[in-house]
Amino acid sequence: MKNIEQVLAQLEQAADPEQAVKALVLAEGGTWVDPDGTPGIVEIQLAGLRGIGPSVAAAVDDWMQQARTPHHAEHERFA
């Protein structure tokens, strides 16, 4: 598994961060279910962090925001 900094750099450089996250989740053996338009919560678990939001875009943004904050370094020790 890539570390958080590697994943964040890849997402920041991606033309479509949502598709990049999907590809990374699937490459790690995860499951991806495309939303069907029904209101709900999207959760992305990648590299030991969880992004949550009302849409894929919001969940990706949440994941990236968490990856940019210093607290993830302590979390990574336990992942």
C-alpha atoms as a PDB file:
ATOM      1  CA  MET A   1       0.000   0.000   0.000  1.00  0.00           C
ATOM      2  CA  LYS A   2       1.196   3.496  -0.790  1.00  0.00           C
ATOM      3  CA  ASN A   3       1.654   5.876   2.087  1.00  0.00           C
ATOM      4  CA  ILE A   4      -0.606   8.850   2.622  1.00  0.00           C
ATOM      5  CA  GLU A   5       1.822  11.392   1.184  1.00  0.00           C
ATOM      6  CA  GLN A   6       2.205   9.383  -2.039  1.00  0.00           C
ATOM      7  CA  VAL A   7      -1.538   9.030  -2.453  1.00  0.00           C
ATOM      8  CA  LEU A   8      -2.134  12.721  -1.718  1.00  0.00           C
ATOM      9  CA  ALA A   9       0.489  13.787  -4.273  1.00  0.00           C
ATOM     10  CA  GLN A  10      -1.085  11.526  -6.876  1.00  0.00           C
ATOM     11  CA  LEU A  11      -4.555  12.921  -6.202  1.00  0.00           C
ATOM     12  CA  GLU A  12      -3.377  16.541  -6.265  1.00  0.00           C
ATOM     13  CA  GLN A  13      -1.849  15.963  -9.706  1.00  0.00           C
ATOM     14  CA  ALA A  14      -4.788  14.000 -11.112  1.00  0.00           C
ATOM     15  CA  ALA A  15      -7.025  15.596 -13.716  1.00  0.00           C
ATOM     16  CA  ASP A  16      -9.955  13.768 -12.071  1.00  0.00           C
ATOM     17  CA  PRO A  17      -9.273  13.018  -8.389  1.00  0.00           C
ATOM     18  CA  GLU A  18     -12.521  11.039  -8.078  1.00  0.00           C
ATOM     19  CA  GLN A  19     -11.466   8.591 -10.795  1.00  0.00           C
ATOM     20  CA  ALA A  20      -7.950   8.459  -9.336  1.00  0.00           C
ATOM     21  CA  VAL A  21      -9.337   7.475  -5.913  1.00  0.00           C
ATOM     22  CA  LYS A  22     -11.553   4.847  -7.511  1.00  0.00           C
ATOM     23  CA  ALA A  23      -8.556   3.361  -9.356  1.00  0.00           C
ATOM     24  CA  LEU A  24      -6.453   3.332  -6.169  1.00  0.00           C
ATOM     25  CA  VAL A  25      -9.191   1.692  -4.096  1.00  0.00           C
ATOM     26  CA  LEU A  26      -9.683  -1.018  -6.710  1.00  0.00           C
ATOM     27  CA  ALA A  27      -5.912  -1.515  -7.130  1.00  0.00           C
ATOM     28  CA  GLU A  28      -5.665  -2.173  -3.383  1.00  0.00           C
ATOM     29  CA  GLY A  29      -8.345  -4.865  -3.642  1.00  0.00           C
ATOM     30  CA  GLY A  30     -11.099  -2.668  -2.269  1.00  0.00           C
ATOM     31  CA  THR A  31     -14.712  -2.447  -3.336  1.00  0.00           C
ATOM     32  CA  TRP A  32     -16.161   0.505  -5.225  1.00  0.00           C
ATOM     33  CA  VAL A  33     -19.879   1.049  -5.712  1.00  0.00           C
ATOM     34  CA  ASP A  34     -20.808   3.955  -7.971  1.00  0.00           C
ATOM     35  CA  PRO A  35     -23.570   6.039  -6.388  1.00  0.00           C
ATOM     36  CA  ASP A  36     -26.956   5.654  -8.071  1.00  0.00           C
ATOM     37  CA  GLY A  37     -28.193   9.151  -7.299  1.00  0.00           C
ATOM     38  CA  THR A  38     -30.011   8.145  -4.133  1.00  0.00           C
ATOM     39  CA  PRO A  39     -29.161  10.508  -1.266  1.00  0.00           C
ATOM     40  CA  GLY A  40     -26.753   8.952   1.177  1.00  0.00           C
ATOM     41  CA  ILE A  41     -23.255   9.013   2.605  1.00  0.00           C
ATOM     42  CA  VAL A  42     -20.127   8.075   0.660  1.00  0.00           C
ATOM     43  CA  GLU A  43     -17.185   6.611   2.585  1.00  0.00           C
ATOM     44  CA  ILE A  44     -13.711   6.154   1.099  1.00  0.00           C
ATOM     45  CA  GLN A  45     -11.102   4.193   3.020  1.00  0.00           C
ATOM     46  CA  LEU A  46      -7.618   4.482   1.563  1.00  0.00           C
ATOM     47  CA  ALA A  47      -4.121   4.319   3.076  1.00  0.00           C
ATOM     48  CA  GLY A  48      -5.537   4.172   6.588  1.00  0.00           C
ATOM     49  CA  LEU A  49      -7.656   7.314   6.286  1.00  0.00           C
ATOM     50  CA  ARG A  50     -11.399   7.599   5.827  1.00  0.00           C
ATOM     51  CA  GLY A  51     -13.071  10.315   3.776  1.00  0.00           C
ATOM     52  CA  ILE A  52     -16.804  10.827   4.260  1.00  0.00           C
ATOM     53  CA  GLY A  53     -19.278  13.079   2.499  1.00  0.00           C
ATOM     54  CA  PRO A  54     -22.666  13.352   0.802  1.00  0.00           C
ATOM     55  CA  SER A  55     -21.060  12.686  -2.604  1.00  0.00           C
ATOM     56  CA  VAL A  56     -17.939  11.066  -4.030  1.00  0.00           C
ATOM     57  CA  ALA A  57     -16.435  14.508  -4.620  1.00  0.00           C
ATOM     58  CA  ALA A  58     -17.086  15.545  -1.010  1.00  0.00           C
ATOM     59  CA  ALA A  59     -15.650  12.279   0.338  1.00  0.00           C
ATOM     60  CA  VAL A  60     -12.518  12.709  -1.811  1.00  0.00           C
ATOM     61  CA  ASP A  61     -12.166  16.312  -0.592  1.00  0.00           C
ATOM     62  CA  ASP A  62     -12.563  15.135   3.011  1.00  0.00           C
ATOM     63  CA  TRP A  63      -9.922  12.418   2.515  1.00  0.00           C
ATOM     64  CA  MET A  64      -7.489  14.925   0.970  1.00  0.00           C
ATOM     65  CA  GLN A  65      -8.084  17.472   3.745  1.00  0.00           C
ATOM     66  CA  GLN A  66      -7.336  14.856   6.389  1.00  0.00           C
ATOM     67  CA  ALA A  67      -4.217  13.768   4.506  1.00  0.00           C
ATOM     68  CA  ARG A  68      -2.949  17.360   4.575  1.00  0.00           C
ATOM     69  CA  THR A  69      -3.318  17.708   8.353  1.00  0.00           C
ATOM     70  CA  PRO A  70      -0.543  16.694  10.754  1.00  0.00           C
ATOM     71  CA  HIS A  71      -2.668  14.240  12.787  1.00  0.00           C
ATOM     72  CA  HIS A  72      -2.485  11.636  10.001  1.00  0.00           C
ATOM     73  CA  ALA A  73       1.182  10.925  10.796  1.00  0.00           C
ATOM     74  CA  GLU A  74       0.275   9.532  14.207  1.00  0.00           C
ATOM     75  CA  HIS A  75      -2.588   7.524  12.721  1.00  0.00           C
ATOM     76  CA  GLU A  76      -0.280   6.037  10.066  1.00  0.00           C
ATOM     77  CA  ARG A  77       1.847   4.398  12.783  1.00  0.00           C
ATOM     78  CA  PHE A  78      -1.112   2.206  13.696  1.00  0.00           C
ATOM     79  CA  ALA A  79      -2.417   1.450  10.189  1.00  0.00           C
END
